[in-house]
PDB file of N, CA and C in Angstrom:
ATOM      1  N   MET A   1     -74.455 -60.634-259.712  1.00  0.00           N
ATOM      2  CA  MET A   1     -74.060 -61.684-260.331  1.00  0.00           C
ATOM      3  C   MET A   1     -72.777 -62.774-258.783  1.00  0.00           C
ATOM      4  N   ALA A   2     -73.720 -63.825-258.583  1.00  0.00           N
ATOM      5  CA  ALA A   2     -72.279 -64.481-257.529  1.00  0.00           C
ATOM      6  C   ALA A   2     -71.534 -64.970-258.307  1.00  0.00           C
ATOM      7  N   ARG A   3     -70.207 -64.564-257.283  1.00  0.00           N
ATOM      8  CA  ARG A   3     -69.019 -65.830-257.521  1.00  0.00           C
ATOM      9  C   ARG A   3     -68.436 -65.965-256.947  1.00  0.00           C
ATOM     10  N   THR A   4     -67.760 -67.254-258.120  1.00  0.00           N
ATOM     11  CA  THR A   4     -67.098 -68.160-256.598  1.00  0.00           C
ATOM     12  C   THR A   4     -65.539 -67.626-256.417  1.00  0.00           C
ATOM     13  N   LEU A   5     -64.953 -67.763-255.227  1.00  0.00           N
ATOM     14  CA  LEU A   5     -63.609 -68.382-255.259  1.00  0.00           C
ATOM     15  C   LEU A   5     -63.612 -69.864-254.447  1.00  0.00           C
ATOM     16  N   ILE A   6     -62.282 -70.837-255.703  1.00  0.00           N
ATOM     17  CA  ILE A   6     -62.450 -71.644-255.323  1.00  0.00           C
ATOM     18  C   ILE A   6     -61.072 -72.060-254.888  1.00  0.00           C
ATOM     19  N   LEU A   7     -60.660 -72.226-254.026  1.00  0.00           N
ATOM     20  CA  LEU A   7     -59.703 -72.779-252.948  1.00  0.00           C
ATOM     21  C   LEU A   7     -58.897 -74.391-254.060  1.00  0.00           C
ATOM     22  N   TYR A   8     -58.344 -74.803-254.297  1.00  0.00           N
ATOM     23  CA  TYR A   8     -58.076 -76.102-254.865  1.00  0.00           C
ATOM     24  C   TYR A   8     -56.888 -76.790-253.830  1.00  0.00           C
ATOM     25  N   SER A   9     -57.041 -77.167-253.557  1.00  0.00           N
ATOM     26  CA  SER A   9     -55.917 -78.462-251.830  1.00  0.00           C
ATOM     27  C   SER A   9     -56.423 -79.273-251.544  1.00  0.00           C
ATOM     28  N   ARG A  10     -55.546 -79.303-250.602  1.00  0.00           N
ATOM     29  CA  ARG A  10     -55.546 -81.583-250.741  1.00  0.00           C
ATOM     30  C   ARG A  10     -54.857 -81.240-248.562  1.00  0.00           C
ATOM     31  N   VAL A  11     -55.646 -82.560-248.296  1.00  0.00           N
ATOM     32  CA  VAL A  11     -54.991 -82.766-246.633  1.00  0.00           C
ATOM     33  C   VAL A  11     -53.651 -82.976-246.333  1.00  0.00           C
ATOM     34  N   GLY A  12     -53.594 -81.752-245.626  1.00  0.00           N
ATOM     35  CA  GLY A  12     -51.917 -82.441-245.352  1.00  0.00           C
ATOM     36  C   GLY A  12     -51.365 -81.590-245.481  1.00  0.00           C
ATOM     37  N   CYS A  13     -51.575 -80.405-246.307  1.00  0.00           N
ATOM     38  CA  CYS A  13     -51.000 -79.510-246.915  1.00  0.00           C
ATOM     39  C   CYS A  13     -50.928 -78.484-246.297  1.00  0.00           C
ATOM     40  N   HIS A  14     -49.993 -77.732-245.590  1.00  0.00           N
ATOM     41  CA  HIS A  14     -49.458 -76.817-245.099  1.00  0.00           C
ATOM     42  C   HIS A  14     -49.679 -75.752-245.334  1.00  0.00           C
ATOM     43  N   LEU A  15     -49.342 -75.336-246.683  1.00  0.00           N
ATOM     44  CA  LEU A  15     -49.533 -73.561-248.197  1.00  0.00           C
ATOM     45  C   LEU A  15     -51.111 -73.675-247.514  1.00  0.00           C
ATOM     46  N   CYS A  16     -51.906 -75.000-248.026  1.00  0.00           N
ATOM     47  CA  CYS A  16     -53.310 -74.641-248.304  1.00  0.00           C
ATOM     48  C   CYS A  16     -54.144 -74.226-246.837  1.00  0.00           C
ATOM     49  N   GLU A  17     -52.987 -74.578-245.969  1.00  0.00           N
ATOM     50  CA  GLU A  17     -54.194 -74.830-244.967  1.00  0.00           C
ATOM     51  C   GLU A  17     -53.493 -73.102-244.530  1.00  0.00           C
ATOM     52  N   GLN A  18     -52.749 -72.293-244.711  1.00  0.00           N
ATOM     53  CA  GLN A  18     -52.678 -70.798-244.775  1.00  0.00           C
ATOM     54  C   GLN A  18     -53.261 -70.869-245.159  1.00  0.00           C
ATOM     55  N   MET A  19     -52.835 -71.026-246.507  1.00  0.00           N
ATOM     56  CA  MET A  19     -53.965 -69.556-247.372  1.00  0.00           C
ATOM     57  C   MET A  19     -55.400 -70.243-247.453  1.00  0.00           C
ATOM     58  N   HIS A  20     -55.911 -71.215-246.697  1.00  0.00           N
ATOM     59  CA  HIS A  20     -57.084 -71.484-245.494  1.00  0.00           C
ATOM     60  C   HIS A  20     -57.680 -70.269-245.215  1.00  0.00           C
ATOM     61  N   ALA A  21     -57.021 -70.306-243.890  1.00  0.00           N
ATOM     62  CA  ALA A  21     -56.800 -69.130-243.179  1.00  0.00           C
ATOM     63  C   ALA A  21     -56.890 -67.683-243.335  1.00  0.00           C
ATOM     64  N   GLN A  22     -56.212 -67.931-244.529  1.00  0.00           N
ATOM     65  CA  GLN A  22     -55.779 -65.927-244.718  1.00  0.00           C
ATOM     66  C   GLN A  22     -56.981 -65.416-245.291  1.00  0.00           C
ATOM     67  N   LEU A  23     -57.736 -66.277-246.176  1.00  0.00           N
ATOM     68  CA  LEU A  23     -58.660 -66.228-246.768  1.00  0.00           C
ATOM     69  C   LEU A  23     -60.282 -66.203-245.744  1.00  0.00           C
ATOM     70  N   ALA A  24     -60.376 -67.047-245.113  1.00  0.00           N
ATOM     71  CA  ALA A  24     -61.459 -67.281-243.544  1.00  0.00           C
ATOM     72  C   ALA A  24     -60.919 -65.471-242.671  1.00  0.00           C
ATOM     73  N   ALA A  25     -59.945 -65.000-243.079  1.00  0.00           N
ATOM     74  CA  ALA A  25     -60.141 -63.873-242.275  1.00  0.00           C
ATOM     75  C   ALA A  25     -60.357 -62.762-243.248  1.00  0.00           C
ATOM     76  N   ILE A  26     -60.703 -62.516-244.456  1.00  0.00           N
ATOM     77  CA  ILE A  26     -61.177 -62.004-245.187  1.00  0.00           C
ATOM     78  C   ILE A  26     -62.676 -61.314-245.249  1.00  0.00           C
ATOM     79  N   ASP A  27     -62.594 -59.813-245.078  1.00  0.00           N
ATOM     80  CA  ASP A  27     -64.473 -59.973-245.145  1.00  0.00           C
ATOM     81  C   ASP A  27     -64.802 -59.792-246.676  1.00  0.00           C
ATOM     82  N   PHE A  28     -65.026 -60.759-247.723  1.00  0.00           N
ATOM     83  CA  PHE A  28     -65.986 -61.130-248.805  1.00  0.00           C
ATOM     84  C   PHE A  28     -66.823 -60.503-248.890  1.00  0.00           C
ATOM     85  N   PRO A  29     -67.117 -59.547-250.390  1.00  0.00           N
ATOM     86  CA  PRO A  29     -68.623 -58.902-250.491  1.00  0.00           C
ATOM     87  C   PRO A  29     -69.231 -59.828-250.200  1.00  0.00           C
ATOM     88  N   ASP A  30     -70.895 -59.558-250.173  1.00  0.00           N
ATOM     89  CA  ASP A  30     -72.432 -60.923-249.893  1.00  0.00           C
ATOM     90  C   ASP A  30     -71.740 -61.490-251.829  1.00  0.00           C
ATOM     91  N   ASP A  31     -71.586 -61.176-252.464  1.00  0.00           N
ATOM     92  CA  ASP A  31     -71.694 -61.732-253.352  1.00  0.00           C
ATOM     93  C   ASP A  31     -70.565 -62.744-253.916  1.00  0.00           C
ATOM     94  N   VAL A  32     -69.881 -63.051-253.216  1.00  0.00           N
ATOM     95  CA  VAL A  32     -68.455 -64.228-253.491  1.00  0.00           C
ATOM     96  C   VAL A  32     -68.569 -65.154-252.290  1.00  0.00           C
ATOM     97  N   SER A  33     -68.757 -65.865-252.150  1.00  0.00           N
ATOM     98  CA  SER A  33     -68.671 -67.561-251.936  1.00  0.00           C
ATOM     99  C   SER A  33     -66.922 -67.417-251.893  1.00  0.00           C
ATOM    100  N   LEU A  34     -67.111 -69.018-251.035  1.00  0.00           N
ATOM    101  CA  LEU A  34     -65.296 -69.755-250.841  1.00  0.00           C
ATOM    102  C   LEU A  34     -66.108 -70.963-251.142  1.00  0.00           C
ATOM    103  N   LYS A  35     -64.903 -72.061-252.064  1.00  0.00           N
ATOM    104  CA  LYS A  35     -65.154 -73.056-252.070  1.00  0.00           C
ATOM    105  C   LYS A  35     -64.081 -73.500-252.328  1.00  0.00           C
ATOM    106  N   THR A  36     -63.594 -74.589-251.467  1.00  0.00           N
ATOM    107  CA  THR A  36     -62.252 -75.622-251.791  1.00  0.00           C
ATOM    108  C   THR A  36     -63.212 -76.816-251.806  1.00  0.00           C
ATOM    109  N   VAL A  37     -61.725 -76.850-252.378  1.00  0.00           N
ATOM    110  CA  VAL A  37     -61.608 -78.621-253.038  1.00  0.00           C
ATOM    111  C   VAL A  37     -60.554 -79.084-253.023  1.00  0.00           C
ATOM    112  N   ASP A  38     -60.829 -80.141-252.765  1.00  0.00           N
ATOM    113  CA  ASP A  38     -59.688 -80.946-252.755  1.00  0.00           C
ATOM    114  C   ASP A  38     -59.523 -81.836-254.261  1.00  0.00           C
ATOM    115  N   VAL A  39     -58.016 -81.269-254.604  1.00  0.00           N
ATOM    116  CA  VAL A  39     -57.781 -81.977-255.551  1.00  0.00           C
ATOM    117  C   VAL A  39     -57.517 -83.149-255.855  1.00  0.00           C
ATOM    118  N   ASP A  40     -56.945 -84.445-255.053  1.00  0.00           N
ATOM    119  CA  ASP A  40     -56.931 -85.964-254.295  1.00  0.00           C
ATOM    120  C   ASP A  40     -57.995 -86.507-255.063  1.00  0.00           C
ATOM    121  N   ALA A  41     -59.032 -85.695-254.498  1.00  0.00           N
ATOM    122  CA  ALA A  41     -60.228 -85.954-255.179  1.00  0.00           C
ATOM    123  C   ALA A  41     -60.702 -86.639-256.490  1.00  0.00           C
ATOM    124  N   ASP A  42     -60.207 -86.028-257.320  1.00  0.00           N
ATOM    125  CA  ASP A  42     -60.312 -85.965-258.558  1.00  0.00           C
ATOM    126  C   ASP A  42     -59.259 -86.291-260.051  1.00  0.00           C
ATOM    127  N   PRO A  43     -59.138 -87.365-260.499  1.00  0.00           N
ATOM    128  CA  PRO A  43     -57.359 -87.509-260.860  1.00  0.00           C
ATOM    129  C   PRO A  43     -57.189 -85.911-262.051  1.00  0.00           C
ATOM    130  N   ALA A  44     -57.942 -85.937-262.864  1.00  0.00           N
ATOM    131  CA  ALA A  44     -58.413 -84.732-263.293  1.00  0.00           C
ATOM    132  C   ALA A  44     -57.222 -83.577-262.535  1.00  0.00           C
ATOM    133  N   LEU A  45     -58.044 -83.132-261.859  1.00  0.00           N
ATOM    134  CA  LEU A  45     -57.618 -82.016-260.811  1.00  0.00           C
ATOM    135  C   LEU A  45     -56.364 -82.617-260.491  1.00  0.00           C
ATOM    136  N   ARG A  46     -55.911 -83.644-260.117  1.00  0.00           N
ATOM    137  CA  ARG A  46     -54.791 -83.800-259.175  1.00  0.00           C
ATOM    138  C   ARG A  46     -53.521 -83.966-260.364  1.00  0.00           C
ATOM    139  N   ALA A  47     -54.048 -83.882-261.284  1.00  0.00           N
ATOM    140  CA  ALA A  47     -53.646 -83.885-262.652  1.00  0.00           C
ATOM    141  C   ALA A  47     -52.630 -82.189-262.715  1.00  0.00           C
ATOM    142  N   ARG A  48     -54.148 -82.044-263.090  1.00  0.00           N
ATOM    143  CA  ARG A  48     -53.682 -80.247-263.329  1.00  0.00           C
ATOM    144  C   ARG A  48     -53.093 -79.871-262.433  1.00  0.00           C
ATOM    145  N   PHE A  49     -53.336 -79.783-261.516  1.00  0.00           N
ATOM    146  CA  PHE A  49     -52.558 -78.989-260.075  1.00  0.00           C
ATOM    147  C   PHE A  49     -51.661 -79.453-259.235  1.00  0.00           C
ATOM    148  N   ASN A  50     -51.408 -80.945-259.021  1.00  0.00           N
ATOM    149  CA  ASN A  50     -51.209 -81.559-258.120  1.00  0.00           C
ATOM    150  C   ASN A  50     -49.598 -80.447-257.747  1.00  0.00           C
ATOM    151  N   VAL A  51     -48.636 -80.143-257.964  1.00  0.00           N
ATOM    152  CA  VAL A  51     -46.930 -79.259-257.273  1.00  0.00           C
ATOM    153  C   VAL A  51     -48.144 -78.248-256.732  1.00  0.00           C
ATOM    154  N   LYS A  52     -49.046 -77.857-257.767  1.00  0.00           N
ATOM    155  CA  LYS A  52     -49.087 -75.847-257.785  1.00  0.00           C
ATOM    156  C   LYS A  52     -50.476 -75.802-256.178  1.00  0.00           C
ATOM    157  N   VAL A  53     -50.520 -76.885-255.441  1.00  0.00           N
ATOM    158  CA  VAL A  53     -51.057 -76.517-254.720  1.00  0.00           C
ATOM    159  C   VAL A  53     -50.988 -75.465-252.862  1.00  0.00           C
ATOM    160  N   PRO A  54     -51.447 -74.710-252.522  1.00  0.00           N
ATOM    161  CA  PRO A  54     -53.191 -74.987-253.242  1.00  0.00           C
ATOM    162  C   PRO A  54     -52.606 -72.970-254.308  1.00  0.00           C
ATOM    163  N   VAL A  55     -53.829 -73.984-254.761  1.00  0.00           N
ATOM    164  CA  VAL A  55     -54.451 -73.278-255.938  1.00  0.00           C
ATOM    165  C   VAL A  55     -56.114 -71.606-255.890  1.00  0.00           C
ATOM    166  N   LEU A  56     -55.688 -70.881-255.935  1.00  0.00           N
ATOM    167  CA  LEU A  56     -56.897 -69.804-256.048  1.00  0.00           C
ATOM    168  C   LEU A  56     -57.434 -69.190-256.820  1.00  0.00           C
ATOM    169  N   ALA A  57     -58.661 -69.573-257.790  1.00  0.00           N
ATOM    170  CA  ALA A  57     -59.453 -69.045-258.398  1.00  0.00           C
ATOM    171  C   ALA A  57     -60.266 -68.419-258.459  1.00  0.00           C
ATOM    172  N   LEU A  58     -60.863 -66.841-259.108  1.00  0.00           N
ATOM    173  CA  LEU A  58     -61.863 -67.051-258.809  1.00  0.00           C
ATOM    174  C   LEU A  58     -62.926 -67.141-259.787  1.00  0.00           C
ATOM    175  N   ASP A  59     -64.095 -67.769-259.702  1.00  0.00           N
ATOM    176  CA  ASP A  59     -64.785 -68.765-261.123  1.00  0.00           C
ATOM    177  C   ASP A  59     -63.579 -68.982-261.854  1.00  0.00           C
ATOM    178  N   ASP A  60     -63.188 -68.933-263.148  1.00  0.00           N
ATOM    179  CA  ASP A  60     -62.747 -70.181-263.621  1.00  0.00           C
ATOM    180  C   ASP A  60     -60.633 -69.754-263.726  1.00  0.00           C
ATOM    181  N   GLU A  61     -60.621 -68.112-263.442  1.00  0.00           N
ATOM    182  CA  GLU A  61     -59.406 -67.367-263.779  1.00  0.00           C
ATOM    183  C   GLU A  61     -58.377 -67.662-262.244  1.00  0.00           C
ATOM    184  N   ILE A  62     -57.469 -68.212-262.298  1.00  0.00           N
ATOM    185  CA  ILE A  62     -56.402 -68.080-262.125  1.00  0.00           C
ATOM    186  C   ILE A  62     -55.870 -66.749-261.057  1.00  0.00           C
ATOM    187  N   LEU A  63     -55.785 -66.814-259.820  1.00  0.00           N
ATOM    188  CA  LEU A  63     -54.880 -65.685-258.788  1.00  0.00           C
ATOM    189  C   LEU A  63     -54.235 -65.933-258.899  1.00  0.00           C
ATOM    190  N   CYS A  64     -53.885 -67.257-258.750  1.00  0.00           N
ATOM    191  CA  CYS A  64     -52.858 -67.490-257.373  1.00  0.00           C
ATOM    192  C   CYS A  64     -52.267 -68.926-257.370  1.00  0.00           C
ATOM    193  N   CYS A  65     -51.370 -69.029-257.042  1.00  0.00           N
ATOM    194  CA  CYS A  65     -50.507 -70.202-256.754  1.00  0.00           C
ATOM    195  C   CYS A  65     -49.454 -70.476-255.277  1.00  0.00           C
ATOM    196  N   HIS A  66     -50.142 -71.132-254.539  1.00  0.00           N
ATOM    197  CA  HIS A  66     -48.590 -71.786-253.243  1.00  0.00           C
ATOM    198  C   HIS A  66     -49.054 -70.354-252.384  1.00  0.00           C
ATOM    199  N   PHE A  67     -49.035 -68.993-252.201  1.00  0.00           N
ATOM    200  CA  PHE A  67     -48.793 -68.318-251.472  1.00  0.00           C
ATOM    201  C   PHE A  67     -49.748 -67.404-252.180  1.00  0.00           C
ATOM    202  N   LEU A  68     -51.743 -66.612-251.082  1.00  0.00           N
ATOM    203  CA  LEU A  68     -52.237 -65.614-251.195  1.00  0.00           C
ATOM    204  C   LEU A  68     -51.634 -64.551-251.813  1.00  0.00           C
ATOM    205  N   ASP A  69     -52.653 -64.297-252.952  1.00  0.00           N
ATOM    206  CA  ASP A  69     -51.557 -62.461-253.584  1.00  0.00           C
ATOM    207  C   ASP A  69     -53.067 -61.721-253.378  1.00  0.00           C
ATOM    208  N   GLU A  70     -53.369 -60.973-252.098  1.00  0.00           N
ATOM    209  CA  GLU A  70     -53.757 -60.496-252.212  1.00  0.00           C
ATOM    210  C   GLU A  70     -54.050 -59.195-252.859  1.00  0.00           C
ATOM    211  N   THR A  71     -53.452 -58.609-253.176  1.00  0.00           N
ATOM    212  CA  THR A  71     -53.305 -57.541-254.384  1.00  0.00           C
ATOM    213  C   THR A  71     -53.735 -57.981-255.369  1.00  0.00           C
ATOM    214  N   GLU A  72     -53.636 -59.352-256.092  1.00  0.00           N
ATOM    215  CA  GLU A  72     -54.040 -59.821-257.304  1.00  0.00           C
ATOM    216  C   GLU A  72     -55.701 -60.129-256.849  1.00  0.00           C
ATOM    217  N   LEU A  73     -55.726 -61.098-255.852  1.00  0.00           N
ATOM    218  CA  LEU A  73     -57.627 -60.936-255.520  1.00  0.00           C
ATOM    219  C   LEU A  73     -58.186 -59.550-255.232  1.00  0.00           C
ATOM    220  N   ARG A  74     -57.759 -58.461-254.420  1.00  0.00           N
ATOM    221  CA  ARG A  74     -58.409 -57.744-254.804  1.00  0.00           C
ATOM    222  C   ARG A  74     -58.617 -56.886-255.818  1.00  0.00           C
ATOM    223  N   GLN A  75     -58.506 -57.136-256.781  1.00  0.00           N
ATOM    224  CA  GLN A  75     -58.447 -56.350-257.465  1.00  0.00           C
ATOM    225  C   GLN A  75     -58.894 -57.322-258.828  1.00  0.00           C
ATOM    226  N   ALA A  76     -59.059 -58.765-259.173  1.00  0.00           N
ATOM    227  CA  ALA A  76     -60.089 -59.576-259.673  1.00  0.00           C
ATOM    228  C   ALA A  76     -61.539 -58.988-259.120  1.00  0.00           C
ATOM    229  N   LEU A  77     -61.680 -59.495-257.445  1.00  0.00           N
ATOM    230  CA  LEU A  77     -62.716 -58.583-257.326  1.00  0.00           C
ATOM    231  C   LEU A  77     -63.030 -57.683-257.331  1.00  0.00           C
ATOM    232  N   SER A  78     -63.026 -57.288-257.302  1.00  0.00           N
ATOM    233  CA  SER A  78     -63.056 -55.135-257.865  1.00  0.00           C
ATOM    234  C   SER A  78     -62.892 -54.961-259.427  1.00  0.00           C
ATOM    235  N   ASP A  79     -62.990 -55.626-260.763  1.00  0.00           N
ATOM    236  CA  ASP A  79     -63.262 -56.105-261.840  1.00  0.00           C
ATOM    237  C   ASP A  79     -64.642 -56.819-262.001  1.00  0.00           C
ATOM    238  N   GLY A  80     -64.803 -57.297-261.047  1.00  0.00           N
ATOM    239  CA  GLY A  80     -66.137 -58.340-261.631  1.00  0.00           C
ATOM    240  C   GLY A  80     -66.739 -57.417-260.910  1.00  0.00           C
TER     241      GLY A  80
END
Protein backbone atom coordinates (compact mmCIF):
# COMPACT_ATOMS: atom_id res chain seq x y z
CA MET A 1 0.00 0.00 0.00
CA ALA A 2 1.43 3.38 -1.01
CA ARG A 3 2.13 5.83 1.79
CA THR A 4 2.72 9.56 1.55
CA LEU A 5 5.01 11.68 3.66
CA ILE A 6 3.66 15.22 3.70
CA LEU A 7 5.94 18.13 4.54
CA TYR A 8 3.84 21.14 5.50
CA SER A 9 6.05 24.18 4.98
CA ARG A 10 6.17 27.74 3.70
CA VAL A 11 8.36 29.80 1.40
CA GLY A 12 11.22 31.56 3.17
CA CYS A 13 11.22 29.24 6.19
CA HIS A 14 14.79 28.16 6.91
CA LEU A 15 13.66 25.27 9.14
CA CYS A 16 11.41 24.07 6.31
CA GLU A 17 14.31 24.20 3.87
CA GLN A 18 16.50 22.32 6.33
CA MET A 19 13.94 19.56 6.88
CA HIS A 20 13.33 19.25 3.14
CA ALA A 21 17.07 18.81 2.53
CA GLN A 22 17.29 16.18 5.27
CA LEU A 23 14.33 14.28 3.81
CA ALA A 24 15.80 14.45 0.30
CA ALA A 25 18.92 12.68 1.58
CA ILE A 26 16.95 9.71 2.94
CA ASP A 27 16.45 6.62 0.75
CA PHE A 28 12.78 5.82 1.34
CA PRO A 29 11.13 2.49 0.50
CA ASP A 30 9.51 2.33 -2.94
CA ASP A 31 6.00 2.56 -1.47
CA VAL A 32 6.71 5.94 0.20
CA SER A 33 6.45 9.26 -1.63
CA LEU A 34 7.22 12.76 -0.38
CA LYS A 35 4.81 15.61 -1.01
CA THR A 36 5.47 19.23 -0.01
CA VAL A 37 2.48 21.44 0.82
CA ASP A 38 2.68 25.23 1.22
CA VAL A 39 0.52 26.04 4.25
CA ASP A 40 0.14 29.65 3.11
CA ALA A 41 -1.73 28.49 -0.02
CA ASP A 42 -4.63 27.19 2.10
CA PRO A 43 -6.20 29.29 4.89
CA ALA A 44 -7.23 26.19 6.84
CA LEU A 45 -3.70 24.76 6.76
CA ARG A 46 -2.22 28.14 7.65
CA ALA A 47 -4.52 28.35 10.69
CA ARG A 48 -3.72 24.76 11.70
CA PHE A 49 0.06 24.79 11.27
CA ASN A 50 1.04 28.48 11.26
CA VAL A 51 3.88 28.62 13.82
CA LYS A 52 4.45 24.84 13.84
CA VAL A 53 6.03 24.56 10.38
CA PRO A 54 7.73 22.58 9.22
CA VAL A 55 5.40 19.72 10.08
CA LEU A 56 6.04 16.21 8.80
CA ALA A 57 3.17 13.76 8.57
CA LEU A 58 2.89 10.20 7.31
CA ASP A 59 -0.53 10.04 5.70
CA ASP A 60 -2.65 11.63 8.48
CA GLU A 61 -0.29 11.05 11.43
CA ILE A 62 1.91 13.98 12.47
CA LEU A 63 5.44 12.74 13.14
CA CYS A 64 7.33 15.91 14.07
CA CYS A 65 7.30 19.70 14.02
CA HIS A 66 10.13 22.22 13.58
CA PHE A 67 12.93 19.61 13.42
CA LEU A 68 13.18 16.18 11.78
CA ASP A 69 12.87 13.34 14.27
CA GLU A 70 14.53 10.64 12.19
CA THR A 71 13.97 8.00 14.87
CA GLU A 72 10.21 8.70 14.87
CA LEU A 73 10.17 8.73 11.07
CA ARG A 74 11.95 5.38 10.76
CA GLN A 75 9.69 3.85 13.42
CA ALA A 76 6.56 5.05 11.63
CA LEU A 77 7.82 3.70 8.30
CA SER A 78 8.66 0.31 9.81
CA ASP A 79 5.24 0.08 11.49
CA GLY A 80 3.45 0.41 8.17
